[in-house]
Every structure is written in C-alpha cells, then in structure tokens.
PDB file of N, CA and C in Angstrom:
ATOM      1  N   MET A   1       0.802  -1.199   0.001  1.00  0.00           N
ATOM      2  CA  MET A   1      -0.031   0.041  -0.002  1.00  0.00           C
ATOM      3  C   MET A   1       0.871   1.208   0.034  1.00  0.00           C
ATOM      4  N   THR A   2       0.551   2.183  -0.825  1.00  0.00           N
ATOM      5  CA  THR A   2       1.350   3.373  -0.932  1.00  0.00           C
ATOM      6  C   THR A   2       0.582   4.496  -0.192  1.00  0.00           C
ATOM      7  N   THR A   3       1.394   5.291   0.454  1.00  0.00           N
ATOM      8  CA  THR A   3       0.805   6.492   1.082  1.00  0.00           C
ATOM      9  C   THR A   3       1.525   7.702   0.669  1.00  0.00           C
ATOM     10  N   ILE A   4       0.712   8.768   0.623  1.00  0.00           N
ATOM     11  CA  ILE A   4       1.342  10.055   0.123  1.00  0.00           C
ATOM     12  C   ILE A   4       1.503  10.939   1.368  1.00  0.00           C
ATOM     13  N   SER A   5       2.703  11.422   1.501  1.00  0.00           N
ATOM     14  CA  SER A   5       2.959  12.277   2.676  1.00  0.00           C
ATOM     15  C   SER A   5       2.435  13.660   2.372  1.00  0.00           C
ATOM     16  N   GLN A   6       1.820  14.218   3.356  1.00  0.00           N
ATOM     17  CA  GLN A   6       1.323  15.569   3.197  1.00  0.00           C
ATOM     18  C   GLN A   6       2.210  16.584   3.866  1.00  0.00           C
ATOM     19  N   GLU A   7       2.086  17.790   3.365  1.00  0.00           N
ATOM     20  CA  GLU A   7       2.978  18.877   3.987  1.00  0.00           C
ATOM     21  C   GLU A   7       2.358  19.197   5.303  1.00  0.00           C
ATOM     22  N   PRO A   8       3.198  19.585   6.180  1.00  0.00           N
ATOM     23  CA  PRO A   8       2.723  20.026   7.482  1.00  0.00           C
ATOM     24  C   PRO A   8       1.748  21.230   7.345  1.00  0.00           C
ATOM     25  N   LEU A   9       0.735  21.252   8.205  1.00  0.00           N
ATOM     26  CA  LEU A   9      -0.160  22.370   8.136  1.00  0.00           C
ATOM     27  C   LEU A   9       0.557  23.678   8.515  1.00  0.00           C
ATOM     28  N   LYS A  10       0.230  24.654   7.768  1.00  0.00           N
ATOM     29  CA  LYS A  10       0.782  25.998   8.035  1.00  0.00           C
ATOM     30  C   LYS A  10      -0.112  26.702   9.017  1.00  0.00           C
ATOM     31  N   VAL A  11       0.527  27.094  10.090  1.00  0.00           N
ATOM     32  CA  VAL A  11      -0.185  27.878  11.081  1.00  0.00           C
ATOM     33  C   VAL A  11      -0.175  29.345  10.740  1.00  0.00           C
ATOM     34  N   ALA A  12      -1.382  29.930  10.805  1.00  0.00           N
ATOM     35  CA  ALA A  12      -1.483  31.387  10.464  1.00  0.00           C
ATOM     36  C   ALA A  12      -0.666  32.143  11.523  1.00  0.00           C
ATOM     37  N   SER A  13       0.105  32.991  11.047  1.00  0.00           N
ATOM     38  CA  SER A  13       0.922  33.872  11.914  1.00  0.00           C
ATOM     39  C   SER A  13       0.066  34.959  12.586  1.00  0.00           C
ATOM     40  N   ASP A  14       0.332  35.125  13.883  1.00  0.00           N
ATOM     41  CA  ASP A  14      -0.440  36.250  14.583  1.00  0.00           C
ATOM     42  C   ASP A  14       0.172  37.609  14.343  1.00  0.00           C
ATOM     43  N   GLU A  15       1.330  37.580  13.728  1.00  0.00           N
ATOM     44  CA  GLU A  15       1.961  38.987  13.445  1.00  0.00           C
ATOM     45  C   GLU A  15       1.383  39.563  12.201  1.00  0.00           C
ATOM     46  N   ARG A  16       1.094  40.827  12.314  1.00  0.00           N
ATOM     47  CA  ARG A  16       0.555  41.561  11.084  1.00  0.00           C
ATOM     48  C   ARG A  16       1.786  42.060  10.301  1.00  0.00           C
ATOM     49  N   ARG A  17       1.557  42.281   9.043  1.00  0.00           N
ATOM     50  CA  ARG A  17       2.609  42.787   8.189  1.00  0.00           C
ATOM     51  C   ARG A  17       2.780  44.225   8.574  1.00  0.00           C
ATOM     52  N   TRP A  18       3.994  44.740   8.347  1.00  0.00           N
ATOM     53  CA  TRP A  18       4.282  46.164   8.648  1.00  0.00           C
ATOM     54  C   TRP A  18       3.526  47.020   7.735  1.00  0.00           C
ATOM     55  N   SER A  19       3.304  46.669   6.488  1.00  0.00           N
ATOM     56  CA  SER A  19       2.550  47.493   5.600  1.00  0.00           C
ATOM     57  C   SER A  19       1.051  47.675   6.063  1.00  0.00           C
ATOM     58  N   ASP A  20       0.428  46.648   6.595  1.00  0.00           N
ATOM     59  CA  ASP A  20      -0.892  46.742   7.191  1.00  0.00           C
ATOM     60  C   ASP A  20      -0.951  47.706   8.320  1.00  0.00           C
ATOM     61  N   PHE A  21       0.087  47.579   9.170  1.00  0.00           N
ATOM     62  CA  PHE A  21       0.147  48.464  10.435  1.00  0.00           C
ATOM     63  C   PHE A  21       0.336  49.937  10.037  1.00  0.00           C
ATOM     64  N   ILE A  22       1.270  50.204   9.023  1.00  0.00           N
ATOM     65  CA  ILE A  22       1.545  51.542   8.660  1.00  0.00           C
ATOM     66  C   ILE A  22       0.327  52.125   7.951  1.00  0.00           C
ATOM     67  N   VAL A  23      -0.365  51.442   7.149  1.00  0.00           N
ATOM     68  CA  VAL A  23      -1.494  51.953   6.397  1.00  0.00           C
ATOM     69  C   VAL A  23      -2.641  52.311   7.362  1.00  0.00           C
ATOM     70  N   ARG A  24      -2.832  51.432   8.321  1.00  0.00           N
ATOM     71  CA  ARG A  24      -3.875  51.654   9.394  1.00  0.00           C
ATOM     72  C   ARG A  24      -3.576  52.938  10.165  1.00  0.00           C
ATOM     73  N   GLU A  25      -2.281  53.042  10.596  1.00  0.00           N
ATOM     74  CA  GLU A  25      -1.927  54.232  11.383  1.00  0.00           C
ATOM     75  C   GLU A  25      -2.002  55.503  10.593  1.00  0.00           C
ATOM     76  N   THR A  26      -1.721  55.426   9.284  1.00  0.00           N
ATOM     77  CA  THR A  26      -1.751  56.566   8.368  1.00  0.00           C
ATOM     78  C   THR A  26      -3.193  57.053   8.236  1.00  0.00           C
ATOM     79  N   TRP A  27      -4.168  56.257   8.074  1.00  0.00           N
ATOM     80  CA  TRP A  27      -5.560  56.648   7.977  1.00  0.00           C
ATOM     81  C   TRP A  27      -6.116  57.202   9.318  1.00  0.00           C
ATOM     82  N   VAL A  28      -5.653  56.673  10.393  1.00  0.00           N
ATOM     83  CA  VAL A  28      -6.114  57.104  11.697  1.00  0.00           C
ATOM     84  C   VAL A  28      -5.492  58.494  11.922  1.00  0.00           C
ATOM     85  N   SER A  29      -4.276  58.699  11.672  1.00  0.00           N
ATOM     86  CA  SER A  29      -3.645  59.980  11.820  1.00  0.00           C
ATOM     87  C   SER A  29      -4.239  60.988  10.892  1.00  0.00           C
ATOM     88  N   LEU A  30      -4.602  60.645   9.707  1.00  0.00           N
ATOM     89  CA  LEU A  30      -5.221  61.565   8.719  1.00  0.00           C
ATOM     90  C   LEU A  30      -6.582  61.991   9.287  1.00  0.00           C
ATOM     91  N   ALA A  31      -7.353  61.050   9.762  1.00  0.00           N
ATOM     92  CA  ALA A  31      -8.748  61.374  10.311  1.00  0.00           C
ATOM     93  C   ALA A  31      -8.562  62.332  11.520  1.00  0.00           C
ATOM     94  N   ILE A  32      -7.663  62.065  12.373  1.00  0.00           N
ATOM     95  CA  ILE A  32      -7.521  62.907  13.579  1.00  0.00           C
ATOM     96  C   ILE A  32      -7.037  64.308  13.159  1.00  0.00           C
ATOM     97  N   SER A  33      -6.156  64.378  12.179  1.00  0.00           N
ATOM     98  CA  SER A  33      -5.709  65.705  11.576  1.00  0.00           C
ATOM     99  C   SER A  33      -6.861  66.436  11.029  1.00  0.00           C
ATOM    100  N   VAL A  34      -7.683  65.775  10.331  1.00  0.00           N
ATOM    101  CA  VAL A  34      -8.892  66.519   9.714  1.00  0.00           C
ATOM    102  C   VAL A  34      -9.878  66.998  10.799  1.00  0.00           C
ATOM    103  N   ILE A  35      -9.973  66.200  11.836  1.00  0.00           N
ATOM    104  CA  ILE A  35     -10.860  66.555  12.912  1.00  0.00           C
ATOM    105  C   ILE A  35     -10.324  67.937  13.521  1.00  0.00           C
ATOM    106  N   TRP A  36      -9.057  67.990  13.803  1.00  0.00           N
ATOM    107  CA  TRP A  36      -8.566  69.231  14.443  1.00  0.00           C
ATOM    108  C   TRP A  36      -8.375  70.441  13.455  1.00  0.00           C
ATOM    109  N   LEU A  37      -8.240  70.123  12.187  1.00  0.00           N
ATOM    110  CA  LEU A  37      -8.200  71.105  11.168  1.00  0.00           C
ATOM    111  C   LEU A  37      -9.641  71.766  11.121  1.00  0.00           C
ATOM    112  N   SER A  38     -10.684  71.003  11.301  1.00  0.00           N
ATOM    113  CA  SER A  38     -11.952  71.653  11.337  1.00  0.00           C
ATOM    114  C   SER A  38     -12.162  72.502  12.496  1.00  0.00           C
ATOM    115  N   VAL A  39     -11.496  72.132  13.624  1.00  0.00           N
ATOM    116  CA  VAL A  39     -11.563  73.078  14.786  1.00  0.00           C
ATOM    117  C   VAL A  39     -10.850  74.304  14.522  1.00  0.00           C
ATOM    118  N   LEU A  40      -9.701  74.250  13.879  1.00  0.00           N
ATOM    119  CA  LEU A  40      -8.927  75.432  13.485  1.00  0.00           C
ATOM    120  C   LEU A  40      -9.749  76.363  12.520  1.00  0.00           C
ATOM    121  N   PHE A  41     -10.305  75.753  11.506  1.00  0.00           N
ATOM    122  CA  PHE A  41     -11.076  76.590  10.575  1.00  0.00           C
ATOM    123  C   PHE A  41     -12.293  77.300  11.251  1.00  0.00           C
ATOM    124  N   ASP A  42     -12.910  76.449  12.205  1.00  0.00           N
ATOM    125  CA  ASP A  42     -14.019  77.056  12.963  1.00  0.00           C
ATOM    126  C   ASP A  42     -13.558  78.186  13.816  1.00  0.00           C
ATOM    127  N   ALA A  43     -12.395  78.072  14.431  1.00  0.00           N
ATOM    128  CA  ALA A  43     -11.834  79.157  15.234  1.00  0.00           C
ATOM    129  C   ALA A  43     -11.583  80.367  14.441  1.00  0.00           C
ATOM    130  N   ILE A  44     -11.108  80.240  13.213  1.00  0.00           N
ATOM    131  CA  ILE A  44     -10.744  81.367  12.365  1.00  0.00           C
ATOM    132  C   ILE A  44     -12.055  81.987  11.693  1.00  0.00           C
ATOM    133  N   TYR A  45     -12.837  81.170  11.166  1.00  0.00           N
ATOM    134  CA  TYR A  45     -13.994  81.666  10.338  1.00  0.00           C
ATOM    135  C   TYR A  45     -15.392  81.441  11.002  1.00  0.00           C
ATOM    136  N   GLY A  46     -15.468  80.790  12.118  1.00  0.00           N
ATOM    137  CA  GLY A  46     -16.708  80.459  12.693  1.00  0.00           C
ATOM    138  C   GLY A  46     -17.269  81.610  13.473  1.00  0.00           C
ATOM    139  N   PRO A  47     -18.526  81.611  13.737  1.00  0.00           N
ATOM    140  CA  PRO A  47     -19.166  82.732  14.485  1.00  0.00           C
ATOM    141  C   PRO A  47     -18.991  82.551  15.992  1.00  0.00           C
ATOM    142  N   ASN A  48     -19.335  83.513  16.733  1.00  0.00           N
ATOM    143  CA  ASN A  48     -19.261  83.450  18.205  1.00  0.00           C
ATOM    144  C   ASN A  48     -20.685  83.098  18.673  1.00  0.00           C
ATOM    145  N   ILE A  49     -20.644  82.462  19.943  1.00  0.00           N
ATOM    146  CA  ILE A  49     -22.007  82.292  20.509  1.00  0.00           C
ATOM    147  C   ILE A  49     -22.222  83.384  21.539  1.00  0.00           C
ATOM    148  N   VAL A  50     -23.288  84.187  21.187  1.00  0.00           N
ATOM    149  CA  VAL A  50     -23.574  85.434  21.945  1.00  0.00           C
ATOM    150  C   VAL A  50     -24.781  85.136  22.828  1.00  0.00           C
ATOM    151  N   THR A  51     -24.653  85.367  24.135  1.00  0.00           N
ATOM    152  CA  THR A  51     -25.876  85.227  24.997  1.00  0.00           C
ATOM    153  C   THR A  51     -26.036  86.626  25.767  1.00  0.00           C
ATOM    154  N   SER A  52     -27.249  86.880  25.987  1.00  0.00           N
ATOM    155  CA  SER A  52     -27.618  88.046  26.700  1.00  0.00           C
ATOM    156  C   SER A  52     -28.806  87.798  27.642  1.00  0.00           C
ATOM    157  N   SER A  53     -28.816  88.601  28.674  1.00  0.00           N
ATOM    158  CA  SER A  53     -29.972  88.520  29.613  1.00  0.00           C
ATOM    159  C   SER A  53     -31.250  89.133  28.991  1.00  0.00           C
ATOM    160  N   SER A  54     -32.284  88.963  29.711  1.00  0.00           N
ATOM    161  CA  SER A  54     -33.555  89.463  29.133  1.00  0.00           C
ATOM    162  C   SER A  54     -33.619  90.970  29.214  1.00  0.00           C
ATOM    163  N   GLY A  55     -32.912  91.541  30.229  1.00  0.00           N
ATOM    164  CA  GLY A  55     -32.793  93.007  30.289  1.00  0.00           C
ATOM    165  C   GLY A  55     -31.833  93.590  29.393  1.00  0.00           C
ATOM    166  N   GLY A  56     -30.930  92.824  28.879  1.00  0.00           N
ATOM    167  CA  GLY A  56     -29.869  93.304  27.996  1.00  0.00           C
ATOM    168  C   GLY A  56     -28.619  93.864  28.716  1.00  0.00           C
ATOM    169  N   SER A  57     -28.641  93.810  29.979  1.00  0.00           N
ATOM    170  CA  SER A  57     -27.522  94.357  30.730  1.00  0.00           C
ATOM    171  C   SER A  57     -26.321  93.413  30.727  1.00  0.00           C
ATOM    172  N   ASP A  58     -26.542  92.171  30.759  1.00  0.00           N
ATOM    173  CA  ASP A  58     -25.474  91.155  30.840  1.00  0.00           C
ATOM    174  C   ASP A  58     -25.296  90.479  29.565  1.00  0.00           C
ATOM    175  N   SER A  59     -24.242  90.258  28.999  1.00  0.00           N
ATOM    176  CA  SER A  59     -23.970  89.473  27.813  1.00  0.00           C
ATOM    177  C   SER A  59     -22.626  88.724  27.859  1.00  0.00           C
ATOM    178  N   ALA A  60     -22.564  87.642  27.134  1.00  0.00           N
ATOM    179  CA  ALA A  60     -21.319  86.900  27.138  1.00  0.00           C
ATOM    180  C   ALA A  60     -21.076  86.390  25.664  1.00  0.00           C
ATOM    181  N   VAL A  61     -19.768  86.407  25.306  1.00  0.00           N
ATOM    182  CA  VAL A  61     -19.445  86.010  24.010  1.00  0.00           C
ATOM    183  C   VAL A  61     -18.396  84.906  24.178  1.00  0.00           C
ATOM    184  N   VAL A  62     -18.719  83.739  23.525  1.00  0.00           N
ATOM    185  CA  VAL A  62     -17.791  82.627  23.583  1.00  0.00           C
ATOM    186  C   VAL A  62     -17.592  82.137  22.118  1.00  0.00           C
ATOM    187  N   PRO A  63     -16.364  81.935  21.641  1.00  0.00           N
ATOM    188  CA  PRO A  63     -16.087  81.439  20.344  1.00  0.00           C
ATOM    189  C   PRO A  63     -16.731  80.106  20.229  1.00  0.00           C
ATOM    190  N   SER A  64     -17.224  79.793  19.043  1.00  0.00           N
ATOM    191  CA  SER A  64     -17.907  78.463  18.798  1.00  0.00           C
ATOM    192  C   SER A  64     -16.867  77.346  18.729  1.00  0.00           C
ATOM    193  N   ALA A  65     -15.607  77.711  18.574  1.00  0.00           N
ATOM    194  CA  ALA A  65     -14.525  76.633  18.522  1.00  0.00           C
ATOM    195  C   ALA A  65     -14.390  75.986  19.848  1.00  0.00           C
ATOM    196  N   VAL A  66     -14.795  76.641  20.939  1.00  0.00           N
ATOM    197  CA  VAL A  66     -14.726  76.028  22.239  1.00  0.00           C
ATOM    198  C   VAL A  66     -15.624  74.794  22.259  1.00  0.00           C
ATOM    199  N   VAL A  67     -16.865  74.967  21.822  1.00  0.00           N
ATOM    200  CA  VAL A  67     -17.804  73.845  21.813  1.00  0.00           C
ATOM    201  C   VAL A  67     -17.369  72.757  20.818  1.00  0.00           C
ATOM    202  N   VAL A  68     -16.929  73.218  19.659  1.00  0.00           N
ATOM    203  CA  VAL A  68     -16.470  72.268  18.669  1.00  0.00           C
ATOM    204  C   VAL A  68     -15.228  71.482  19.157  1.00  0.00           C
ATOM    205  N   SER A  69     -14.388  72.073  19.862  1.00  0.00           N
ATOM    206  CA  SER A  69     -13.219  71.403  20.440  1.00  0.00           C
ATOM    207  C   SER A  69     -13.560  70.255  21.397  1.00  0.00           C
ATOM    208  N   VAL A  70     -14.599  70.454  22.149  1.00  0.00           N
ATOM    209  CA  VAL A  70     -15.014  69.423  23.059  1.00  0.00           C
ATOM    210  C   VAL A  70     -15.485  68.167  22.276  1.00  0.00           C
ATOM    211  N   PHE A  71     -16.204  68.369  21.223  1.00  0.00           N
ATOM    212  CA  PHE A  71     -16.662  67.250  20.354  1.00  0.00           C
ATOM    213  C   PHE A  71     -15.474  66.690  19.595  1.00  0.00           C
ATOM    214  N   ALA A  72     -14.533  67.520  19.210  1.00  0.00           N
ATOM    215  CA  ALA A  72     -13.308  67.069  18.505  1.00  0.00           C
ATOM    216  C   ALA A  72     -12.515  66.207  19.417  1.00  0.00           C
ATOM    217  N   PHE A  73     -12.392  66.507  20.660  1.00  0.00           N
ATOM    218  CA  PHE A  73     -11.655  65.743  21.637  1.00  0.00           C
ATOM    219  C   PHE A  73     -12.312  64.370  21.751  1.00  0.00           C
ATOM    220  N   LEU A  74     -13.699  64.382  21.920  1.00  0.00           N
ATOM    221  CA  LEU A  74     -14.334  63.055  22.012  1.00  0.00           C
ATOM    222  C   LEU A  74     -14.179  62.157  20.758  1.00  0.00           C
ATOM    223  N   ALA A  75     -14.220  62.831  19.559  1.00  0.00           N
ATOM    224  CA  ALA A  75     -14.065  62.103  18.274  1.00  0.00           C
ATOM    225  C   ALA A  75     -12.639  61.532  18.223  1.00  0.00           C
ATOM    226  N   THR A  76     -11.635  62.454  18.621  1.00  0.00           N
ATOM    227  CA  THR A  76     -10.273  61.959  18.562  1.00  0.00           C
ATOM    228  C   THR A  76      -9.999  60.712  19.445  1.00  0.00           C
ATOM    229  N   TRP A  77     -10.658  60.693  20.571  1.00  0.00           N
ATOM    230  CA  TRP A  77     -10.570  59.633  21.603  1.00  0.00           C
ATOM    231  C   TRP A  77     -11.144  58.348  20.956  1.00  0.00           C
ATOM    232  N   VAL A  78     -12.284  58.419  20.339  1.00  0.00           N
ATOM    233  CA  VAL A  78     -12.920  57.268  19.718  1.00  0.00           C
ATOM    234  C   VAL A  78     -12.099  56.766  18.564  1.00  0.00           C
ATOM    235  N   VAL A  79     -11.650  57.629  17.642  1.00  0.00           N
ATOM    236  CA  VAL A  79     -10.895  57.260  16.516  1.00  0.00           C
ATOM    237  C   VAL A  79      -9.584  56.599  16.889  1.00  0.00           C
ATOM    238  N   ALA A  80      -8.927  57.146  17.890  1.00  0.00           N
ATOM    239  CA  ALA A  80      -7.639  56.605  18.347  1.00  0.00           C
ATOM    240  C   ALA A  80      -7.839  55.230  18.968  1.00  0.00           C
ATOM    241  N   LYS A  81      -8.916  55.187  19.826  1.00  0.00           N
ATOM    242  CA  LYS A  81      -9.178  53.923  20.576  1.00  0.00           C
ATOM    243  C   LYS A  81      -9.441  52.793  19.593  1.00  0.00           C
ATOM    244  N   TYR A  82     -10.332  52.980  18.622  1.00  0.00           N
ATOM    245  CA  TYR A  82     -10.774  51.884  17.760  1.00  0.00           C
ATOM    246  C   TYR A  82      -9.827  51.805  16.544  1.00  0.00           C
ATOM    247  N   GLY A  83      -9.139  52.814  16.150  1.00  0.00           N
ATOM    248  CA  GLY A  83      -8.275  52.780  14.985  1.00  0.00           C
ATOM    249  C   GLY A  83      -6.925  52.151  15.313  1.00  0.00           C
ATOM    250  N   LEU A  84      -6.431  52.413  16.464  1.00  0.00           N
ATOM    251  CA  LEU A  84      -5.041  51.900  16.823  1.00  0.00           C
ATOM    252  C   LEU A  84      -5.034  50.734  17.661  1.00  0.00           C
ATOM    253  N   ARG A  85      -6.192  50.092  17.917  1.00  0.00           N
ATOM    254  CA  ARG A  85      -6.154  48.840  18.725  1.00  0.00           C
ATOM    255  C   ARG A  85      -5.499  47.701  17.919  1.00  0.00           C
ATOM    256  N   HIS A  86      -4.897  46.797  18.621  1.00  0.00           N
ATOM    257  CA  HIS A  86      -4.187  45.724  18.042  1.00  0.00           C
ATOM    258  C   HIS A  86      -4.923  44.419  18.442  1.00  0.00           C
ATOM    259  N   ASP A  87      -5.920  44.100  17.579  1.00  0.00           N
ATOM    260  CA  ASP A  87      -6.670  42.820  17.872  1.00  0.00           C
ATOM    261  C   ASP A  87      -6.050  41.728  17.045  1.00  0.00           C
ATOM    262  N   HIS A  88      -6.274  40.517  17.377  1.00  0.00           N
ATOM    263  CA  HIS A  88      -5.605  39.367  16.793  1.00  0.00           C
ATOM    264  C   HIS A  88      -6.512  38.696  15.714  1.00  0.00           C
ATOM    265  N   ARG A  89      -7.472  39.357  15.235  1.00  0.00           N
ATOM    266  CA  ARG A  89      -8.323  38.783  14.157  1.00  0.00           C
ATOM    267  C   ARG A  89      -7.965  39.461  12.891  1.00  0.00           C
ATOM    268  N   ASP A  90      -8.100  38.767  11.771  1.00  0.00           N
ATOM    269  CA  ASP A  90      -7.735  39.287  10.429  1.00  0.00           C
ATOM    270  C   ASP A  90      -8.990  39.707   9.646  1.00  0.00           C
TER     271      ASP A  90
END
C-alpha cells in the first residue's frame, strides 16, 4: 500500500505585516488631523456664541470653537481607541 505524505499544516501567523500596520496608522492620523483642522477653521472663520440676559445688561461672547473642540476631543478619543487597537483577528 502506498501512502502520500502531506505537507505540515501551516499555522497562520499572529503577526501583522508592517505594511498593514503603517496603512492603518496613516488613515487614523489623517482622520485625527482632519478633525482638528476643522476646529482650526471654525476658530478662524466660525461665528461666536452670543448670549444676553432678558434686560440686555449682561452678555457673554464665547467662540464656537470652544464647543467644537469638546466634540473634537471626544471624536479623537474614539478614532484613536478603535483605529489603533491591536486585535488578533484578520
């Protein structure tokens, strides 16, 4: 009886290729850069948030970039957390 020897099974490597890692980091850094560029453009060209009391004696002016920067911080946190995580699934 003749038997055919089989090649040993190839185990999938847990290591990611450097090109995959660099490409992923590039897109994440580009997304974060665009988020903060939008804050910059809002700070330069955006309107102010003006509030005044009913009598008109008290008023406050806050740049809208302050509010936008809070949301940009949260977006940066989420993009960095999920974009730069190293999971072992392909």
